[in-house]
Amino acid sequence: MKIAVPVTKENQIDGHFGHCESYGVFTISDKNEIIEIKSFGSPEGCGCKSDIASVLASDGVSVMLAGGIGGGAINVLNDSGIEVIRGCSGDATEVVKLYISGKVEDSGSSCHQHEVPQHEGGAHTCSHN
């Protein structure tokens, strides 16, 4: 399994999918352990209009753990066979570990159009079981 995460230089999940610096791609073993981490540069502009979904899908990515992400980008990723889990934040590696241990759920909310989400109360994290 491969999981992609939009990240900043500090390996934090970027709060807006379409504006991230790069995508971390985590390869997960059959024993649910991270065995490889690669980085893909982010194309300029909107994530829903770039070819990043097809690039990630061709590398075997099946899940995207994202912070804020719009409906257009979700549709493009889903059309490429990539499931999107919204509402994630924090250290990308730690969130991937939580996801593979079954402790991350989709937040159910998407960004509207291309607005940067403003979350009350500071940090916005995935829902944990």
Protein backbone atom coordinates (compact mmCIF):
# COMPACT_ATOMS: atom_id res chain seq x y z
CA MET A 1 0.00 0.00 0.00
CA LYS A 2 1.16 3.56 -0.70
CA ILE A 3 -0.17 6.64 1.08
CA ALA A 4 0.40 10.21 -0.15
CA VAL A 5 0.41 13.27 2.09
CA PRO A 6 0.71 16.94 1.03
CA VAL A 7 3.59 18.23 3.15
CA THR A 8 5.60 21.31 4.07
CA LYS A 9 9.42 21.38 4.34
CA GLU A 10 9.01 20.51 8.03
CA ASN A 11 7.10 17.28 7.22
CA GLN A 12 3.85 18.82 8.50
CA ILE A 13 0.63 18.06 6.63
CA ASP A 14 -0.11 21.13 4.54
CA GLY A 15 -3.45 22.71 5.42
CA HIS A 16 -4.33 23.23 1.76
CA PHE A 17 -3.80 20.42 -0.75
CA GLY A 18 -3.45 22.69 -3.79
CA HIS A 19 -0.76 24.88 -2.25
CA CYS A 20 1.59 22.29 -0.73
CA GLU A 21 5.33 22.29 -1.39
CA SER A 22 5.52 18.55 -2.09
CA TYR A 23 3.84 15.20 -1.54
CA GLY A 24 5.33 12.56 0.73
CA VAL A 25 4.62 9.03 -0.49
CA PHE A 26 4.81 6.40 2.24
CA THR A 27 5.15 2.75 1.23
CA ILE A 28 3.56 0.42 3.78
CA SER A 29 4.62 -3.22 4.21
CA ASP A 30 2.30 -6.19 4.69
CA LYS A 31 3.09 -5.84 8.42
CA ASN A 32 1.71 -2.24 8.44
CA GLU A 33 5.14 -0.66 8.77
CA ILE A 34 6.54 2.27 6.82
CA ILE A 35 9.33 0.86 4.66
CA GLU A 36 10.01 3.77 2.31
CA ILE A 37 9.27 7.49 2.04
CA LYS A 38 9.63 9.33 -1.28
CA SER A 39 8.91 12.92 -2.18
CA PHE A 40 7.14 14.24 -5.27
CA GLY A 41 7.36 17.94 -6.10
CA SER A 42 4.05 19.74 -6.22
CA PRO A 43 2.99 21.20 -9.57
CA GLU A 44 2.25 24.91 -9.57
CA GLY A 45 -1.37 25.89 -9.18
CA CYS A 46 -4.51 24.05 -8.22
CA GLY A 47 -4.25 20.37 -7.30
CA CYS A 48 -7.52 19.59 -9.08
CA LYS A 49 -6.20 20.92 -12.40
CA SER A 50 -2.71 19.44 -12.30
CA ASP A 51 -1.71 15.90 -13.22
CA ILE A 52 -0.62 15.04 -9.65
CA ALA A 53 -3.44 12.51 -9.21
CA SER A 54 -2.34 10.48 -12.23
CA VAL A 55 1.34 10.76 -11.21
CA LEU A 56 0.58 9.50 -7.70
CA ALA A 57 -1.76 6.76 -8.98
CA SER A 58 0.86 5.54 -11.48
CA ASP A 59 3.27 5.21 -8.53
CA GLY A 60 0.73 2.98 -6.74
CA VAL A 61 -0.79 5.47 -4.30
CA SER A 62 -4.23 4.37 -3.09
CA VAL A 63 -4.83 6.79 -0.19
CA MET A 64 -4.35 10.56 0.27
CA LEU A 65 -4.27 11.91 3.83
CA ALA A 66 -5.06 15.61 3.40
CA GLY A 67 -5.78 18.68 5.46
CA GLY A 68 -7.99 21.10 3.59
CA ILE A 69 -8.96 19.91 0.12
CA GLY A 70 -11.66 20.99 -2.28
CA GLY A 71 -14.30 18.88 -3.98
CA GLY A 72 -12.68 19.18 -7.43
CA ALA A 73 -9.39 17.76 -6.18
CA ILE A 74 -11.21 14.97 -4.33
CA ASN A 75 -13.05 14.03 -7.54
CA VAL A 76 -9.82 13.97 -9.56
CA LEU A 77 -8.08 11.83 -6.95
CA ASN A 78 -11.07 9.47 -6.62
CA ASP A 79 -11.24 9.14 -10.43
CA SER A 80 -7.59 8.01 -10.30
CA GLY A 81 -8.43 5.35 -7.69
CA ILE A 82 -7.14 7.31 -4.69
CA GLU A 83 -9.27 7.45 -1.54
CA VAL A 84 -9.12 10.82 0.24
CA ILE A 85 -9.13 11.19 4.03
CA ARG A 86 -9.81 14.86 4.90
CA GLY A 87 -9.10 16.97 7.96
CA CYS A 88 -5.59 15.74 8.82
CA SER A 89 -2.86 17.88 10.36
CA GLY A 90 0.39 17.51 12.25
CA ASP A 91 3.51 15.50 11.53
CA ALA A 92 2.95 13.50 8.33
CA THR A 93 4.82 10.41 9.50
CA GLU A 94 2.88 10.26 12.77
CA VAL A 95 -0.47 10.66 10.99
CA VAL A 96 0.44 7.88 8.53
CA LYS A 97 1.29 5.62 11.50
CA LEU A 98 -2.08 6.43 13.09
CA TYR A 99 -3.85 5.73 9.77
CA ILE A 100 -2.26 2.31 9.29
CA SER A 101 -3.15 1.40 12.87
CA GLY A 102 -6.82 2.20 12.13
CA LYS A 103 -7.02 5.36 14.21
CA VAL A 104 -7.79 7.94 11.50
CA GLU A 105 -11.16 8.69 9.92
CA ASP A 106 -12.28 11.19 7.31
CA SER A 107 -13.44 14.48 8.88
CA GLY A 108 -16.27 14.76 6.36
CA SER A 109 -15.57 18.39 5.47
CA SER A 110 -14.04 19.84 2.32
CA CYS A 111 -12.74 23.25 1.43
CA HIS A 112 -15.08 25.30 -0.71
CA GLN A 113 -13.66 26.44 -4.04
CA HIS A 114 -10.11 27.68 -3.49
CA GLU A 115 -10.43 29.34 -0.10
CA VAL A 116 -7.78 28.57 2.49
CA PRO A 117 -9.65 27.02 5.42
CA GLN A 118 -9.80 29.00 8.65
CA HIS A 119 -10.24 26.56 11.50
CA GLU A 120 -11.21 27.92 14.89
CA GLY A 121 -9.10 26.93 17.84
CA GLY A 122 -5.81 26.48 15.97
CA ALA A 123 -4.67 22.98 15.01
CA HIS A 124 -7.06 20.83 13.02
CA THR A 125 -6.49 17.11 13.30
CA CYS A 126 -7.99 13.99 11.78
CA SER A 127 -10.70 12.27 13.72
CA HIS A 128 -9.22 9.46 15.80
CA ASN A 129 -11.07 6.34 16.96
